Amino acid sequence: MKRTHLPLNALRVLDAAARHLSFTRAADELAVTPAAVGQQIRALEDVLGVVLFRRTPKGLELTHEAEAGLEALRAGFLKFEESVEAMRAGQSSKSLTIAAPRDITGRWLAPRLAAIAAADPELRFTLIAADQPLDFTEANLDCAIRWGEGFDDLEAVALGEGGLVEIEPPLGRTNVTVSWQAGSSTEDGGAVFSVADAGLAIDAVAGGIGHARVPALLAAGDIASGHVREVARHDGAYRYWIVAPTPQWRQKKVRALVEALMR
């Protein structure tokens, strides 16, 4: 059933004027002028086709038509307020759903989320493996981590160092290139060993299979631990970003997570 368009501003003015039986006091409550109150009431009377107030020597009086609708009107406004409070309750929620590629989740994100959760036991994280972008609404996401040059359609903050790093096994380079996506491998004429993602490429290099060019952020821990050896840096615009549409980005819990991940 098609719903009637409700003149909510005018109905709010009616409620205030009916409680005070004064356009002046209603105007003070609503932070408008008495003339504006009068205009809203007249416009509402035109829409409804009834008279809502009559002037008497003692002041304003409600008509029977106005009195007939006031109880339901005020109950409706209370429901609106309850609805707003229910929606605002999401701001105090500490449950976040995050989509991220498997490799960045395992090597970088999950350890940091564990540390963040240790400082606040009320936090709850749901991680969704997403090597391809997911629709935020359909997947009910609060935020996501993506690899790319930037995201004009989303709010985004870069995570850590960007660009790619060329890595080789600790014992030295082999003539095998480990490839994890188009354009990611070092082309030197040798054999190519293809894997599903950059995390598996790092594992392959650490296992002595070959050399690879992978995201610097992803390889930082393995380089520091000596599992792989850094050969060269390749700066570029590509990097990992934490992203979300503006409504999700404005949530207190998302802002807090972004701040924590940037430390």
Protein backbone atom coordinates (compact mmCIF):
# COMPACT_ATOMS: atom_id res chain seq x y z
CA MET A 1 0.00 0.00 0.00
CA LYS A 2 1.33 3.42 -0.97
CA ARG A 3 1.98 5.59 2.07
CA THR A 4 0.70 9.17 2.23
CA HIS A 5 3.43 11.79 2.23
CA LEU A 6 3.53 13.18 5.76
CA PRO A 7 4.29 16.88 6.37
CA LEU A 8 6.47 16.04 9.37
CA ASN A 9 7.75 19.56 10.03
CA ALA A 10 4.24 20.95 10.13
CA LEU A 11 3.07 18.11 12.38
CA ARG A 12 5.92 18.83 14.80
CA VAL A 13 4.83 22.49 14.85
CA LEU A 14 1.24 21.42 15.51
CA ASP A 15 2.35 19.31 18.47
CA ALA A 16 4.32 22.20 20.00
CA ALA A 17 1.57 24.78 19.42
CA ALA A 18 -1.06 22.43 20.85
CA ARG A 19 0.96 21.88 24.02
CA HIS A 20 1.60 25.57 24.61
CA LEU A 21 -1.63 26.93 23.05
CA SER A 22 0.64 29.74 21.91
CA PHE A 23 2.44 30.29 18.61
CA THR A 24 5.01 32.44 20.42
CA ARG A 25 5.97 29.80 22.99
CA ALA A 26 5.93 27.10 20.31
CA ALA A 27 8.30 29.27 18.25
CA ASP A 28 10.64 29.60 21.24
CA GLU A 29 10.71 25.81 21.66
CA LEU A 30 11.35 25.20 17.98
CA ALA A 31 13.84 28.08 17.57
CA VAL A 32 11.81 29.72 14.80
CA THR A 33 9.68 32.86 14.58
CA PRO A 34 5.98 33.02 15.55
CA ALA A 35 5.27 33.93 11.92
CA ALA A 36 6.93 30.72 10.76
CA VAL A 37 4.76 28.73 13.19
CA GLY A 38 1.67 30.41 11.84
CA GLN A 39 2.68 29.67 8.25
CA GLN A 40 3.25 25.99 9.03
CA ILE A 41 -0.14 25.70 10.76
CA ARG A 42 -1.94 27.38 7.85
CA ALA A 43 -0.17 25.14 5.36
CA LEU A 44 -1.14 22.08 7.38
CA GLU A 45 -4.77 23.23 7.56
CA ASP A 46 -4.73 23.57 3.75
CA VAL A 47 -3.35 20.03 3.35
CA LEU A 48 -5.84 18.51 5.81
CA GLY A 49 -8.81 20.64 4.81
CA VAL A 50 -9.70 21.43 8.43
CA VAL A 51 -9.22 24.26 10.92
CA LEU A 52 -6.86 23.30 13.75
CA PHE A 53 -6.95 26.38 16.00
CA ARG A 54 -9.43 29.12 16.70
CA ARG A 55 -8.68 32.41 18.41
CA THR A 56 -10.83 33.38 21.41
CA PRO A 57 -10.67 36.26 23.91
CA LYS A 58 -8.80 33.88 26.21
CA GLY A 59 -6.26 32.89 23.53
CA LEU A 60 -5.83 29.89 21.23
CA GLU A 61 -8.09 26.86 21.43
CA LEU A 62 -7.83 23.54 19.66
CA THR A 63 -10.67 22.54 17.38
CA HIS A 64 -12.29 19.12 17.74
CA GLU A 65 -10.50 18.04 14.55
CA ALA A 66 -7.10 18.88 16.03
CA GLU A 67 -7.89 17.19 19.34
CA ALA A 68 -9.00 14.05 17.50
CA GLY A 69 -5.55 13.53 16.02
CA LEU A 70 -3.23 14.69 18.80
CA GLU A 71 -2.99 11.46 20.80
CA ALA A 72 -2.02 9.39 17.76
CA LEU A 73 0.32 12.15 16.57
CA ARG A 74 2.22 12.23 19.86
CA ALA A 75 2.39 8.45 19.99
CA GLY A 76 3.82 8.55 16.49
CA PHE A 77 6.54 11.01 17.49
CA LEU A 78 7.45 8.79 20.42
CA LYS A 79 7.82 5.89 17.99
CA PHE A 80 10.04 8.04 15.78
CA GLU A 81 12.24 8.84 18.77
CA GLU A 82 12.44 5.15 19.70
CA SER A 83 13.40 4.33 16.13
CA VAL A 84 16.16 6.95 16.10
CA GLU A 85 17.53 5.69 19.41
CA ALA A 86 17.48 2.11 18.11
CA MET A 87 19.46 3.14 15.05
CA ARG A 88 21.87 5.18 17.15
CA ALA A 89 22.47 2.12 19.32
CA GLY A 90 24.60 0.80 16.47
CA GLN A 91 27.14 3.47 17.36
CA SER A 92 27.78 1.68 20.63
CA SER A 93 28.06 -1.72 18.97
CA LYS A 94 31.46 -3.36 19.17
CA SER A 95 30.84 -5.99 16.49
CA LEU A 96 32.57 -5.41 13.17
CA THR A 97 32.40 -7.36 9.94
CA ILE A 98 35.52 -6.93 7.81
CA ALA A 99 36.23 -8.28 4.33
CA ALA A 100 39.85 -8.76 3.30
CA PRO A 101 41.99 -10.94 1.03
CA ARG A 102 43.17 -14.13 2.73
CA ASP A 103 46.85 -13.25 2.55
CA ILE A 104 46.61 -9.82 4.22
CA THR A 105 44.24 -11.31 6.81
CA GLY A 106 46.62 -14.06 7.85
CA ARG A 107 49.89 -12.16 7.68
CA TRP A 108 48.92 -8.67 8.81
CA LEU A 109 45.30 -8.08 9.84
CA ALA A 110 44.50 -11.02 12.16
CA PRO A 111 47.48 -10.50 14.51
CA ARG A 112 46.61 -6.82 14.86
CA LEU A 113 42.94 -7.54 15.50
CA ALA A 114 43.97 -10.02 18.19
CA ALA A 115 46.03 -7.34 19.90
CA ILE A 116 43.20 -4.79 19.60
CA ALA A 117 40.69 -7.30 21.01
CA ALA A 118 43.01 -8.14 23.90
CA ALA A 119 42.78 -4.51 25.00
CA ASP A 120 38.96 -4.53 24.74
CA PRO A 121 37.34 -7.95 25.40
CA GLU A 122 33.92 -6.64 24.29
CA LEU A 123 35.06 -6.37 20.67
CA ARG A 124 33.77 -8.97 18.22
CA PHE A 125 35.25 -9.37 14.73
CA THR A 126 33.81 -11.31 11.82
CA LEU A 127 36.34 -11.75 9.01
CA ILE A 128 35.19 -12.54 5.48
CA ALA A 129 37.70 -13.81 2.91
CA ALA A 130 37.31 -11.62 -0.14
CA ASP A 131 39.90 -11.68 -2.90
CA GLN A 132 37.41 -9.76 -5.05
CA PRO A 133 35.48 -6.66 -3.90
CA LEU A 134 32.17 -7.41 -2.18
CA ASP A 135 29.06 -5.23 -2.08
CA PHE A 136 29.02 -3.61 1.35
CA THR A 137 25.24 -3.74 1.73
CA GLU A 138 24.74 -7.29 0.48
CA ALA A 139 27.59 -8.63 2.61
CA ASN A 140 26.63 -6.47 5.62
CA LEU A 141 30.19 -5.13 5.87
CA ASP A 142 31.46 -2.41 8.16
CA CYS A 143 34.74 -2.03 6.30
CA ALA A 144 37.12 -3.86 3.99
CA ILE A 145 40.80 -4.06 3.12
CA ARG A 146 41.64 -3.85 -0.59
CA TRP A 147 44.75 -3.74 -2.75
CA GLY A 148 44.81 -0.96 -5.33
CA GLU A 149 45.83 2.56 -6.32
CA GLY A 150 42.98 4.33 -4.55
CA PHE A 151 39.21 4.36 -4.30
CA ASP A 152 37.33 7.47 -5.42
CA ASP A 153 33.92 5.99 -4.56
CA LEU A 154 34.85 5.03 -0.98
CA GLU A 155 36.39 6.57 2.09
CA ALA A 156 39.91 5.13 2.30
CA VAL A 157 43.10 5.25 4.36
CA ALA A 158 46.36 3.63 3.24
CA LEU A 159 47.78 0.96 5.53
CA GLY A 160 51.51 0.98 6.15
CA GLU A 161 54.12 1.01 3.40
CA GLY A 162 53.09 0.75 -0.23
CA GLY A 163 54.66 -0.59 -3.38
CA LEU A 164 56.19 -3.97 -4.08
CA VAL A 165 59.31 -5.70 -2.83
CA GLU A 166 61.29 -8.33 -4.70
CA ILE A 167 62.17 -11.28 -2.48
CA GLU A 168 64.26 -14.44 -2.83
CA PRO A 169 64.95 -17.50 -0.63
CA PRO A 170 67.36 -17.02 2.28
CA LEU A 171 70.00 -19.15 0.52
CA GLY A 172 69.90 -17.16 -2.69
CA ARG A 173 68.03 -16.67 -5.94
CA THR A 174 66.72 -19.49 -8.10
CA ASN A 175 65.75 -19.31 -11.76
CA VAL A 176 62.04 -19.74 -10.95
CA THR A 177 59.61 -16.84 -10.85
CA VAL A 178 56.70 -17.21 -8.41
CA SER A 179 53.70 -15.47 -9.96
CA TRP A 180 50.55 -14.60 -7.99
CA GLN A 181 48.70 -12.25 -10.35
CA ALA A 182 49.12 -10.63 -13.73
CA GLY A 183 52.05 -8.23 -13.69
CA SER A 184 53.30 -9.27 -10.26
CA SER A 185 56.11 -11.57 -11.32
CA THR A 186 59.68 -10.68 -12.23
CA GLU A 187 60.10 -11.72 -15.85
CA ASP A 188 63.64 -12.99 -16.37
CA GLY A 189 63.12 -15.87 -18.77
CA GLY A 190 63.06 -18.62 -16.15
CA ALA A 191 60.31 -21.05 -15.22
CA VAL A 192 57.11 -19.68 -13.67
CA PHE A 193 55.47 -21.15 -10.57
CA SER A 194 51.91 -19.75 -10.25
CA VAL A 195 50.04 -19.46 -6.94
CA ALA A 196 46.69 -17.99 -5.90
CA ASP A 197 47.83 -14.96 -3.90
CA ALA A 198 50.81 -12.99 -2.66
CA GLY A 199 50.82 -14.77 0.70
CA LEU A 200 51.33 -18.12 -1.03
CA ALA A 201 54.02 -16.52 -3.16
CA ILE A 202 55.90 -15.52 0.01
CA ASP A 203 55.52 -19.07 1.36
CA ALA A 204 56.88 -20.47 -1.91
CA VAL A 205 59.90 -18.18 -1.78
CA ALA A 206 60.51 -19.02 1.88
CA GLY A 207 60.43 -22.70 0.89
CA GLY A 208 63.16 -22.13 -1.68
CA ILE A 209 60.98 -22.55 -4.77
CA GLY A 210 61.74 -19.24 -6.45
CA HIS A 211 61.73 -15.45 -6.26
CA ALA A 212 58.75 -13.07 -6.42
CA ARG A 213 57.59 -9.49 -6.35
CA VAL A 214 54.97 -9.01 -3.60
CA PRO A 215 53.35 -6.19 -1.58
CA ALA A 216 55.94 -4.69 0.77
CA LEU A 217 53.49 -4.58 3.69
CA LEU A 218 52.74 -8.28 3.31
CA ALA A 219 56.38 -9.37 3.20
CA ALA A 220 57.67 -7.12 6.00
CA GLY A 221 57.34 -9.75 8.74
CA ASP A 222 58.98 -12.52 6.71
CA ILE A 223 61.84 -10.23 5.72
CA ALA A 224 62.36 -9.18 9.34
CA SER A 225 62.36 -12.80 10.53
CA GLY A 226 64.76 -13.94 7.81
CA HIS A 227 62.30 -16.31 6.14
CA VAL A 228 62.92 -14.48 2.86
CA ARG A 229 65.53 -12.01 1.70
CA GLU A 230 64.79 -8.60 0.20
CA VAL A 231 66.41 -7.93 -3.17
CA ALA A 232 64.89 -4.64 -4.30
CA ARG A 233 62.09 -2.16 -3.63
CA HIS A 234 59.64 -1.08 -6.31
CA ASP A 235 57.74 1.99 -5.20
CA GLY A 236 54.29 2.51 -6.68
CA ALA A 237 50.78 3.73 -6.07
CA TYR A 238 49.47 0.23 -5.36
CA ARG A 239 49.08 -0.53 -1.68
CA TYR A 240 46.60 -1.91 0.86
CA TRP A 241 43.78 0.37 1.98
CA ILE A 242 41.07 0.13 4.60
CA VAL A 243 37.88 1.31 2.88
CA ALA A 244 34.16 1.81 3.52
CA PRO A 245 31.23 3.81 2.16
CA THR A 246 30.71 7.13 3.97
CA PRO A 247 27.81 5.94 6.24
CA GLN A 248 29.86 2.99 7.54
CA TRP A 249 33.01 5.11 7.77
CA ARG A 250 31.25 7.56 10.10
CA GLN A 251 30.47 4.83 12.63
CA LYS A 252 32.34 5.26 15.88
CA LYS A 253 33.49 1.63 15.88
CA VAL A 254 34.93 1.89 12.36
CA ARG A 255 36.76 5.13 13.13
CA ALA A 256 38.21 3.52 16.27
CA LEU A 257 39.36 0.47 14.28
CA VAL A 258 41.03 2.60 11.61
CA GLU A 259 42.84 4.59 14.28
CA ALA A 260 44.02 1.40 16.01
CA LEU A 261 45.27 -0.19 12.77
CA MET A 262 47.24 2.94 11.89
CA ARG A 263 49.29 2.88 15.11
